[in-house]
Amino acid sequence: MRCRPVVLVAAVALLGVGLAGCSEPTAPTGRPAPDTSPKSATPTPRVPAGKAPATSFAVGVRQLKLNRDGDRPLPVSLWYPAAGPAGGAAKRSLPAAAGRFPVVVFSHGLGARPEDYQVLLTRWAAAGFVVAAPRFPHTGRGGDGNPLDVLNQPADVSYVLSRVLALDATAGDPLRGRLDPDRVAATGHSAGGVTTIGLFTTGRDERLDAGIVFAGTALGVGTAFAGAAAPQLFVHGEADEVVSYAAGRAVFDAVPWPKAMLSLPEGDHGRALLGDGEALRVVADTTVEFLRWTLYGDPTAKTRLPADATRGNLATLDDRL
């Protein structure tokens, strides 16, 4: 998927503000009145019903060196459930835990790196998910910072997903027999949120069962959600100074599938995702339950999700799942 001229000016205006160089915060736009329309008629995810792991895992981490078309280097950080006692930091090259685990692809924001989000991503891995996070060639830290390249990133993610899933059948690979290719989600923050939305619209990847969008907008990728129903969770700060809350809300409203929106009244563009405070714990717990429901088919996770989302009155949840 290559860049389209019609979005050049608008894309520069919005995406040119990097994660590390946010503008001064603007006043929150506020939440619209809650929608009272009936919830989606699709009450369960499309994956078979199951039960998510009840205990936490140790977390291993490894690197893949990928390159799409020979000119798009895509180094990938892989966090995965590992054998051994749970807790502590991720450790390199630990043996994988027994079992077959869903795969979650994460796309970073402009000027960022996968490891900037490792607190959140390792929590997902500890809960029983293999997390693959590429560093994009132009929008990642150390790249040229070209925001227009975001429009090429959905294709990058699909390529990365194919290569990661292939490890399940690769002789001698530590993750052989440990990946579940039928349980896959895409997630991303800011420019990575745009990338994630694109994977369900203009660059629809039918392997995806669910999505999580952090502080994202549909600029350049649109809101023509296509393909089989895939539940979506949006996470957005109401004081976001880069992508307005209203912009994120507009995309959420356009989703035709089961969906929920976690709103943080004091939240900015997402710096909470890079730390380890109370807001991150709410976001981490809510997203874990969403992934347990959508990828493991665990109905009890869906039941727990609202309480996790509103714990401590740090966020509100518009639940249409």
Protein backbone atom coordinates (compact mmCIF):
# COMPACT_ATOMS: atom_id res chain seq x y z
CA MET A 1 0.00 0.00 0.00
CA ARG A 2 1.75 3.15 -1.21
CA CYS A 3 1.24 6.80 -0.28
CA ARG A 4 -1.57 8.74 -1.97
CA PRO A 5 -1.07 12.41 -2.94
CA VAL A 6 -4.54 13.51 -1.83
CA VAL A 7 -3.62 13.08 1.82
CA LEU A 8 -0.16 14.68 1.74
CA VAL A 9 -0.99 18.08 3.22
CA ALA A 10 -3.30 16.77 5.91
CA ALA A 11 -0.96 13.95 6.87
CA VAL A 12 1.96 16.32 7.31
CA ALA A 13 -0.16 18.62 9.46
CA LEU A 14 -1.23 15.90 11.87
CA LEU A 15 1.35 13.16 11.84
CA GLY A 16 4.28 15.56 11.66
CA VAL A 17 3.95 16.04 15.40
CA GLY A 18 6.02 13.18 16.83
CA LEU A 19 5.49 11.22 20.00
CA ALA A 20 8.67 12.65 21.49
CA GLY A 21 7.90 16.22 20.43
CA CYS A 22 4.27 16.84 21.31
CA SER A 23 2.86 20.35 21.11
CA GLU A 24 1.58 22.17 24.16
CA PRO A 25 -1.58 20.50 25.51
CA THR A 26 -4.87 21.91 24.40
CA ALA A 27 -8.06 21.96 26.36
CA PRO A 28 -9.94 18.65 26.44
CA THR A 29 -12.76 18.40 23.96
CA GLY A 30 -14.90 16.32 26.31
CA ARG A 31 -16.90 13.19 25.72
CA PRO A 32 -20.10 13.16 23.68
CA ALA A 33 -23.21 11.91 25.40
CA PRO A 34 -23.16 8.11 25.78
CA ASP A 35 -24.70 6.26 22.87
CA THR A 36 -27.94 4.57 23.85
CA SER A 37 -28.32 2.52 20.68
CA PRO A 38 -28.48 -1.27 21.07
CA LYS A 39 -25.20 -3.09 21.39
CA SER A 40 -23.85 -5.10 18.49
CA ALA A 41 -25.76 -8.19 17.51
CA THR A 42 -22.46 -10.08 17.48
CA PRO A 43 -22.01 -10.87 21.20
CA THR A 44 -18.95 -13.12 20.97
CA PRO A 45 -15.65 -13.02 19.11
CA ARG A 46 -15.25 -15.19 16.05
CA VAL A 47 -12.62 -17.42 17.64
CA PRO A 48 -13.88 -20.62 19.28
CA ALA A 49 -14.87 -20.33 22.91
CA GLY A 50 -12.10 -21.22 25.32
CA LYS A 51 -10.40 -20.26 28.54
CA ALA A 52 -7.44 -17.97 28.92
CA PRO A 53 -4.50 -19.01 31.14
CA ALA A 54 -5.29 -18.42 34.78
CA THR A 55 -1.71 -17.81 35.86
CA SER A 56 1.04 -15.48 34.69
CA PHE A 57 4.11 -16.53 32.73
CA ALA A 58 7.74 -15.57 32.76
CA VAL A 59 8.54 -13.48 29.67
CA GLY A 60 11.22 -14.12 27.10
CA VAL A 61 12.34 -11.68 24.40
CA ARG A 62 14.16 -12.17 21.10
CA GLN A 63 14.83 -10.24 17.90
CA LEU A 64 14.01 -11.00 14.27
CA LYS A 65 15.68 -9.23 11.36
CA LEU A 66 13.11 -8.89 8.58
CA ASN A 67 13.07 -6.87 5.39
CA ARG A 68 10.09 -6.38 3.09
CA ASP A 69 10.88 -6.05 -0.61
CA GLY A 70 14.57 -5.59 0.14
CA ASP A 71 14.24 -1.88 0.96
CA ARG A 72 12.08 -1.86 4.08
CA PRO A 73 14.11 -3.19 7.03
CA LEU A 74 11.79 -4.28 9.82
CA PRO A 75 13.60 -5.45 12.95
CA VAL A 76 11.04 -7.12 15.18
CA SER A 77 11.03 -7.48 18.96
CA LEU A 78 9.23 -10.62 20.09
CA TRP A 79 7.99 -10.96 23.66
CA TYR A 80 6.54 -14.37 24.50
CA PRO A 81 5.37 -16.54 27.43
CA ALA A 82 8.40 -18.38 28.71
CA ALA A 83 9.12 -21.34 30.94
CA GLY A 84 10.16 -20.58 34.50
CA PRO A 85 8.88 -18.55 37.43
CA ALA A 86 6.70 -15.56 36.59
CA GLY A 87 7.68 -12.01 37.46
CA GLY A 88 10.65 -9.82 36.82
CA ALA A 89 11.93 -8.33 33.59
CA ALA A 90 11.84 -10.08 30.25
CA LYS A 91 14.94 -12.19 29.61
CA ARG A 92 16.56 -12.92 26.30
CA SER A 93 16.20 -16.31 24.65
CA LEU A 94 14.35 -18.11 27.44
CA PRO A 95 12.66 -21.34 26.31
CA ALA A 96 9.00 -20.85 25.42
CA ALA A 97 6.32 -22.03 27.82
CA ALA A 98 4.27 -25.08 26.91
CA GLY A 99 1.08 -24.39 24.97
CA ARG A 100 -0.10 -22.57 21.85
CA PHE A 101 -0.48 -18.82 22.21
CA PRO A 102 -2.37 -16.11 20.29
CA VAL A 103 -0.28 -13.53 18.43
CA VAL A 104 -0.58 -9.76 18.91
CA VAL A 105 1.19 -7.33 16.55
CA PHE A 106 2.01 -3.89 17.97
CA SER A 107 2.86 -0.77 15.92
CA HIS A 108 4.78 2.06 17.61
CA GLY A 109 4.19 5.80 17.34
CA LEU A 110 6.14 8.37 15.34
CA GLY A 111 9.77 8.62 16.48
CA ALA A 112 9.37 5.73 18.91
CA ARG A 113 10.70 2.18 19.30
CA PRO A 114 9.00 -1.06 20.34
CA GLU A 115 11.02 -1.14 23.56
CA ASP A 116 9.50 2.20 24.60
CA TYR A 117 6.30 0.27 25.24
CA GLN A 118 7.85 -2.78 26.87
CA VAL A 119 6.08 -2.34 30.21
CA LEU A 120 2.71 -2.77 28.52
CA LEU A 121 3.84 -5.36 25.98
CA THR A 122 5.52 -7.60 28.55
CA ARG A 123 2.28 -7.60 30.55
CA TRP A 124 0.50 -8.94 27.50
CA ALA A 125 3.15 -11.62 27.07
CA ALA A 126 2.94 -12.57 30.75
CA ALA A 127 -0.82 -13.05 30.29
CA GLY A 128 -0.29 -15.61 27.54
CA PHE A 129 0.23 -13.74 24.24
CA VAL A 130 3.14 -13.65 21.80
CA VAL A 131 3.73 -9.96 20.99
CA ALA A 132 5.50 -8.99 17.76
CA ALA A 133 6.53 -5.34 17.49
CA PRO A 134 8.34 -4.12 14.35
CA ARG A 135 10.36 -0.93 14.16
CA PHE A 136 9.34 0.84 10.98
CA PRO A 137 12.05 2.13 8.64
CA HIS A 138 10.93 5.76 8.37
CA THR A 139 8.72 6.50 11.40
CA GLY A 140 10.80 4.66 13.99
CA ARG A 141 13.49 6.33 16.06
CA GLY A 142 16.56 6.78 13.92
CA GLY A 143 14.54 6.97 10.70
CA ASP A 144 13.96 10.07 8.59
CA GLY A 145 10.68 10.82 10.41
CA ASN A 146 8.60 10.91 7.24
CA PRO A 147 5.00 10.71 8.53
CA LEU A 148 3.63 9.91 5.09
CA ASP A 149 5.25 6.49 5.27
CA VAL A 150 2.58 5.53 7.80
CA LEU A 151 0.43 4.70 4.78
CA ASN A 152 2.89 1.93 3.83
CA GLN A 153 2.91 0.41 7.31
CA PRO A 154 -0.24 -1.75 7.19
CA ALA A 155 1.48 -3.78 4.45
CA ASP A 156 4.59 -3.95 6.66
CA VAL A 157 2.53 -5.37 9.51
CA SER A 158 0.91 -7.99 7.29
CA TYR A 159 4.37 -9.04 6.10
CA VAL A 160 5.68 -9.23 9.67
CA LEU A 161 2.64 -11.24 10.73
CA SER A 162 3.22 -13.77 7.93
CA ARG A 163 6.87 -14.19 8.89
CA VAL A 164 6.13 -14.52 12.61
CA LEU A 165 3.33 -17.05 12.09
CA ALA A 166 5.66 -19.08 9.88
CA LEU A 167 7.87 -19.69 12.93
CA ASP A 168 5.22 -22.08 14.22
CA ALA A 169 6.19 -24.56 11.50
CA THR A 170 9.91 -23.73 11.25
CA ALA A 171 12.10 -26.65 12.26
CA GLY A 172 14.41 -25.78 15.11
CA ASP A 173 12.79 -22.44 15.94
CA PRO A 174 12.14 -21.91 19.67
CA LEU A 175 8.53 -20.96 18.90
CA ARG A 176 7.78 -23.98 16.74
CA GLY A 177 4.42 -25.39 17.80
CA ARG A 178 3.84 -22.49 20.19
CA LEU A 179 1.83 -20.06 18.01
CA ASP A 180 -1.88 -20.16 17.24
CA PRO A 181 -2.32 -18.68 13.74
CA ASP A 182 -6.10 -18.62 14.10
CA ARG A 183 -6.04 -16.15 17.01
CA VAL A 184 -4.44 -12.87 15.96
CA ALA A 185 -4.87 -9.18 16.85
CA ALA A 186 -3.36 -5.89 15.67
CA THR A 187 -2.64 -3.01 18.04
CA GLY A 188 -0.85 0.32 17.83
CA HIS A 189 -0.29 3.79 19.27
CA SER A 190 -0.60 7.16 17.49
CA ALA A 191 0.93 6.66 14.01
CA GLY A 192 0.78 2.98 14.92
CA GLY A 193 -2.90 3.50 15.64
CA VAL A 194 -3.33 4.79 12.09
CA THR A 195 -1.49 1.68 10.92
CA THR A 196 -3.80 -0.54 12.96
CA ILE A 197 -6.96 1.13 11.64
CA GLY A 198 -5.61 0.66 8.12
CA LEU A 199 -5.36 -3.08 8.71
CA PHE A 200 -9.13 -3.16 9.11
CA THR A 201 -9.96 -0.68 6.31
CA THR A 202 -7.89 -0.01 3.17
CA GLY A 203 -5.35 -2.75 3.97
CA ARG A 204 -7.73 -5.26 5.54
CA ASP A 205 -5.90 -8.35 6.74
CA GLU A 206 -8.51 -11.05 7.13
CA ARG A 207 -6.36 -12.99 9.58
CA LEU A 208 -7.04 -10.40 12.25
CA ASP A 209 -9.66 -11.24 14.88
CA ALA A 210 -9.48 -8.01 16.92
CA GLY A 211 -7.80 -4.62 17.20
CA ILE A 212 -6.72 -2.13 19.87
CA VAL A 213 -6.13 1.50 18.86
CA PHE A 214 -4.29 3.83 21.25
CA ALA A 215 -4.68 7.55 20.41
CA GLY A 216 -5.30 6.83 16.75
CA THR A 217 -6.97 8.59 13.84
CA ALA A 218 -8.20 7.42 10.42
CA LEU A 219 -6.26 10.06 8.46
CA GLY A 220 -5.17 8.49 5.17
CA VAL A 221 -6.71 5.08 5.86
CA GLY A 222 -10.38 5.99 6.22
CA THR A 223 -13.21 4.37 8.15
CA ALA A 224 -14.50 1.90 5.56
CA PHE A 225 -14.14 -1.08 7.92
CA ALA A 226 -14.28 -4.25 5.86
CA GLY A 227 -14.33 -8.01 6.13
CA ALA A 228 -15.48 -10.24 8.94
CA ALA A 229 -16.47 -8.63 12.23
CA ALA A 230 -13.44 -8.01 14.44
CA PRO A 231 -14.06 -6.43 17.88
CA GLN A 232 -12.21 -3.16 18.49
CA LEU A 233 -11.02 -1.43 21.67
CA PHE A 234 -10.09 2.26 21.49
CA VAL A 235 -8.00 3.91 24.23
CA HIS A 236 -7.77 7.71 24.15
CA GLY A 237 -6.90 10.55 26.51
CA GLU A 238 -9.39 13.40 26.55
CA ALA A 239 -6.53 15.91 26.86
CA ASP A 240 -4.64 14.47 23.89
CA GLU A 241 -2.63 17.34 22.43
CA VAL A 242 -1.65 15.56 19.18
CA VAL A 243 -4.64 13.52 18.03
CA SER A 244 -7.79 15.11 19.42
CA TYR A 245 -10.16 13.00 21.44
CA ALA A 246 -12.90 13.94 18.97
CA ALA A 247 -10.85 12.52 16.08
CA GLY A 248 -10.41 9.20 17.86
CA ARG A 249 -14.05 9.15 18.86
CA ALA A 250 -15.14 9.68 15.26
CA VAL A 251 -13.28 6.53 14.19
CA PHE A 252 -14.76 4.58 17.07
CA ASP A 253 -18.26 5.68 16.08
CA ALA A 254 -17.66 4.41 12.53
CA VAL A 255 -16.75 0.86 13.60
CA PRO A 256 -19.66 -1.45 12.66
CA TRP A 257 -18.57 -4.32 14.92
CA PRO A 258 -18.52 -5.00 18.67
CA LYS A 259 -16.47 -2.21 20.22
CA ALA A 260 -15.56 -0.33 23.37
CA MET A 261 -13.80 2.95 24.11
CA LEU A 262 -11.67 3.48 27.21
CA SER A 263 -11.47 7.25 27.84
CA LEU A 264 -9.00 8.81 30.27
CA PRO A 265 -10.23 12.28 31.30
CA GLU A 266 -6.72 13.35 32.39
CA GLY A 267 -4.95 11.41 29.67
CA ASP A 268 -2.65 13.05 27.11
CA HIS A 269 -1.31 11.57 23.87
CA GLY A 270 -0.15 8.44 25.60
CA ARG A 271 2.83 9.09 27.82
CA ALA A 272 1.14 6.88 30.41
CA LEU A 273 1.86 3.98 28.07
CA LEU A 274 5.57 4.57 28.53
CA GLY A 275 5.59 4.51 32.33
CA ASP A 276 4.32 2.30 35.09
CA GLY A 277 1.70 4.35 36.93
CA GLU A 278 -1.91 3.79 37.93
CA ALA A 279 -3.24 4.83 34.52
CA LEU A 280 -1.05 2.27 32.79
CA ARG A 281 -2.26 -0.44 35.15
CA VAL A 282 -5.87 0.35 34.21
CA VAL A 283 -4.98 0.32 30.51
CA ALA A 284 -2.95 -2.89 30.84
CA ASP A 285 -5.63 -4.76 32.78
CA THR A 286 -8.41 -3.62 30.45
CA THR A 287 -6.50 -4.55 27.30
CA VAL A 288 -5.49 -7.93 28.72
CA GLU A 289 -9.13 -8.80 29.41
CA PHE A 290 -10.12 -7.62 25.93
CA LEU A 291 -7.45 -9.84 24.35
CA ARG A 292 -8.42 -12.78 26.56
CA TRP A 293 -12.01 -12.45 25.37
CA THR A 294 -11.31 -11.84 21.67
CA LEU A 295 -8.40 -14.24 21.17
CA TYR A 296 -8.99 -16.98 23.74
CA GLY A 297 -12.78 -16.71 23.47
CA ASP A 298 -12.97 -16.47 27.26
CA PRO A 299 -16.41 -15.10 28.26
CA THR A 300 -15.37 -14.49 31.87
CA ALA A 301 -12.76 -11.99 30.66
CA LYS A 302 -15.47 -9.96 28.97
CA THR A 303 -17.39 -9.96 32.26
CA ARG A 304 -14.36 -8.64 34.18
CA LEU A 305 -13.45 -5.96 31.65
CA PRO A 306 -15.79 -3.12 32.82
CA ALA A 307 -14.59 -3.32 36.42
CA ASP A 308 -10.93 -3.22 35.34
CA ALA A 309 -11.63 -0.24 33.08
CA THR A 310 -13.24 1.89 35.78
CA ARG A 311 -11.06 0.93 38.75
CA GLY A 312 -9.90 3.99 40.65
CA ASN A 313 -12.13 6.31 38.58
CA LEU A 314 -9.23 7.02 36.24
CA ALA A 315 -11.17 6.14 33.10
CA THR A 316 -14.64 5.57 31.73
CA LEU A 317 -15.78 2.82 29.38
CA ASP A 318 -18.27 3.08 26.53
CA ASP A 319 -19.01 -0.63 26.26
CA ARG A 320 -20.72 -1.86 23.10
CA LEU A 321 -19.16 -5.30 23.08
